[in-house]
Amino acid sequence: MNTKRTHGFTLVETLVYLALYAIIMTGALVAVYSIDGSSARNTEIAMAAEEGDYLLGKIEWALSDAASIQSPASAGSTLTLTRADGSAVSVWLAGHDVRMQEGDSPAQTLNNTDVAITGLRFVHARATGIGAEPESVEASFTLSAKTPDGRPLTRDFSATTYLRK
């Protein structure tokens, strides 16, 4: 018996190809979803890092021209200093926001509303007098945010600024 095969697919072949197509498409969708989710999380991590670096930069800027430190005497949550031009600068934590006031200007919030700052602490180390360890102020805090999927993101920041006199 001589049977001729047509150029069409049989039902079994069609089902196999549909199953393979479904597996490939499912894998592609899972990969796209995963990439999109990690992209959003990476964006939030980068935003938190930039925000923390910005806050440290503003504190270092305030200390860059400091003539004297009024507070803290050794450690505390408020930094008050007098700059070389005689103007006063204060930095403190109000709720979950870092606030800065320069002279008689109104206080400004330094961080954005997408983050919460906790544990702002300043440690003032006086100079030893022998020149080996100059006067310094260490600033540290914890920055918290939420990723787009609702997971908490927390990062600690700290920097030490040595005062030039």
Protein backbone atom coordinates (compact mmCIF):
# COMPACT_ATOMS: atom_id res chain seq x y z
CA MET A 1 0.00 0.00 0.00
CA ASN A 2 1.42 3.26 -1.03
CA THR A 3 0.14 6.24 0.98
CA LYS A 4 1.10 9.72 0.12
CA ARG A 5 1.87 12.18 2.84
CA THR A 6 0.54 15.66 2.41
CA HIS A 7 2.55 18.72 3.22
CA GLY A 8 0.28 19.66 6.11
CA PHE A 9 0.88 19.01 9.80
CA THR A 10 -0.78 16.19 11.58
CA LEU A 11 -2.73 16.87 14.75
CA VAL A 12 0.06 15.45 16.93
CA GLU A 13 2.69 17.67 15.32
CA THR A 14 0.46 20.71 15.73
CA LEU A 15 -0.04 19.98 19.43
CA VAL A 16 3.71 19.50 19.96
CA TYR A 17 4.50 22.81 18.26
CA LEU A 18 1.81 24.61 20.25
CA ALA A 19 3.19 23.18 23.50
CA LEU A 20 6.73 24.25 22.59
CA TYR A 21 5.48 27.72 21.64
CA ALA A 22 3.62 28.02 24.95
CA ILE A 23 6.72 27.00 26.92
CA ILE A 24 8.93 29.50 25.07
CA MET A 25 6.42 32.35 25.44
CA THR A 26 5.93 31.62 29.16
CA GLY A 27 9.70 31.73 29.69
CA ALA A 28 9.96 34.99 27.77
CA LEU A 29 7.16 36.60 29.80
CA VAL A 30 8.73 35.49 33.08
CA ALA A 31 12.09 36.92 31.98
CA VAL A 32 10.57 40.27 30.96
CA TYR A 33 8.65 40.51 34.25
CA SER A 34 11.80 39.68 36.23
CA ILE A 35 13.90 42.25 34.36
CA ASP A 36 11.23 44.92 34.85
CA GLY A 37 11.02 44.17 38.60
CA SER A 38 14.77 44.26 39.12
CA SER A 39 15.02 47.46 37.09
CA ALA A 40 12.54 49.21 39.39
CA ARG A 41 14.37 47.94 42.48
CA ASN A 42 17.74 49.06 41.09
CA THR A 43 16.28 52.50 40.37
CA GLU A 44 15.09 52.75 43.99
CA ILE A 45 18.49 51.61 45.31
CA ALA A 46 20.24 54.22 43.16
CA MET A 47 17.82 56.93 44.34
CA ALA A 48 18.46 56.02 47.97
CA ALA A 49 22.23 56.10 47.45
CA GLU A 50 22.06 59.48 45.73
CA GLU A 51 19.80 60.88 48.46
CA GLY A 52 22.14 59.72 51.23
CA ASP A 53 25.19 61.06 49.41
CA TYR A 54 23.40 64.40 48.89
CA LEU A 55 22.62 64.70 52.61
CA LEU A 56 26.22 63.91 53.55
CA GLY A 57 27.38 66.44 50.97
CA LYS A 58 25.21 69.19 52.47
CA ILE A 59 26.53 68.43 55.97
CA GLU A 60 30.12 68.42 54.67
CA TRP A 61 29.44 71.72 52.89
CA ALA A 62 28.24 73.28 56.15
CA LEU A 63 31.38 72.04 57.90
CA SER A 64 33.75 73.08 55.10
CA ASP A 65 34.01 76.67 56.33
CA ALA A 66 33.30 76.13 60.03
CA ALA A 67 35.09 78.47 62.42
CA SER A 68 33.67 76.82 65.54
CA ILE A 69 31.28 74.06 66.59
CA GLN A 70 28.72 75.00 69.26
CA SER A 71 26.99 71.63 69.46
CA PRO A 72 27.35 68.81 69.97
CA ALA A 73 30.04 69.08 72.62
CA SER A 74 30.86 65.42 72.03
CA ALA A 75 27.83 63.61 70.52
CA GLY A 76 24.26 64.51 69.75
CA SER A 77 21.49 64.76 67.18
CA THR A 78 21.89 68.47 66.36
CA LEU A 79 24.84 70.16 64.70
CA THR A 80 25.23 73.89 65.30
CA LEU A 81 28.24 75.76 63.99
CA THR A 82 29.51 79.22 63.14
CA ARG A 83 31.01 79.66 59.69
CA ALA A 84 34.09 81.82 59.03
CA ASP A 85 31.87 84.68 57.83
CA GLY A 86 30.05 84.71 61.20
CA SER A 87 26.82 83.09 59.99
CA ALA A 88 25.29 80.27 62.00
CA VAL A 89 24.26 76.91 60.49
CA SER A 90 22.17 74.26 62.22
CA VAL A 91 21.33 70.73 61.04
CA TRP A 92 18.87 68.51 62.88
CA LEU A 93 16.31 65.73 62.47
CA ALA A 94 12.62 66.75 62.51
CA GLY A 95 10.46 63.65 62.38
CA HIS A 96 11.94 61.72 59.45
CA ASP A 97 13.37 64.78 57.70
CA VAL A 98 16.82 66.36 57.91
CA ARG A 99 16.43 70.12 58.30
CA MET A 100 19.05 72.84 57.81
CA GLN A 101 18.91 76.49 58.74
CA GLU A 102 21.47 79.06 57.64
CA GLY A 103 21.54 82.32 59.58
CA ASP A 104 18.10 83.97 59.74
CA SER A 105 16.77 82.13 56.68
CA PRO A 106 13.87 79.74 57.18
CA ALA A 107 14.82 76.11 57.80
CA GLN A 108 14.76 73.85 54.75
CA THR A 109 14.09 70.13 54.48
CA LEU A 110 17.05 68.49 52.73
CA ASN A 111 15.68 65.05 51.88
CA ASN A 112 12.83 64.21 49.53
CA THR A 113 9.48 62.83 50.64
CA ASP A 114 10.20 59.32 49.31
CA VAL A 115 12.71 58.55 52.06
CA ALA A 116 12.72 58.57 55.85
CA ILE A 117 15.80 59.46 57.87
CA THR A 118 16.37 58.01 61.33
CA GLY A 119 19.22 58.00 63.82
CA LEU A 120 20.88 61.25 62.72
CA ARG A 121 23.92 61.56 64.97
CA PHE A 122 26.89 63.88 65.09
CA VAL A 123 30.11 63.06 66.95
CA HIS A 124 32.43 66.01 67.55
CA ALA A 125 36.04 65.06 68.25
CA ARG A 126 38.21 67.91 69.44
CA ALA A 127 41.80 68.25 68.29
CA THR A 128 44.40 66.49 70.42
CA GLY A 129 46.71 69.50 70.34
CA ILE A 130 49.68 67.61 68.92
CA GLY A 131 48.49 67.91 65.32
CA ALA A 132 48.15 64.18 64.74
CA GLU A 133 44.37 64.21 65.12
CA PRO A 134 42.66 67.43 64.00
CA GLU A 135 39.18 68.48 65.08
CA SER A 136 36.48 66.51 63.25
CA VAL A 137 32.76 65.90 63.06
CA GLU A 138 31.33 62.53 62.09
CA ALA A 139 27.77 62.49 60.75
CA SER A 140 25.77 59.27 60.50
CA PHE A 141 22.16 58.32 59.79
CA THR A 142 19.95 55.56 58.42
CA LEU A 143 17.94 56.13 55.26
CA SER A 144 14.80 54.05 54.63
CA ALA A 145 12.59 53.81 51.56
CA LYS A 146 10.15 51.38 50.00
CA THR A 147 10.76 49.66 46.69
CA PRO A 148 7.96 49.75 44.08
CA ASP A 149 6.91 46.25 45.16
CA GLY A 150 6.57 47.41 48.78
CA ARG A 151 9.73 45.88 50.23
CA PRO A 152 11.70 48.02 52.68
CA LEU A 153 15.09 49.35 51.65
CA THR A 154 17.43 50.53 54.40
CA ARG A 155 20.96 51.87 54.12
CA ASP A 156 23.36 53.38 56.66
CA PHE A 157 25.47 56.43 55.78
CA SER A 158 28.35 58.10 57.60
CA ALA A 159 31.15 60.49 56.85
CA THR A 160 33.84 62.24 58.88
CA THR A 161 34.81 65.81 58.06
CA TYR A 162 38.05 67.26 59.41
CA LEU A 163 37.90 70.95 60.20
CA ARG A 164 40.53 73.32 58.85
CA LYS A 165 41.52 76.14 61.12
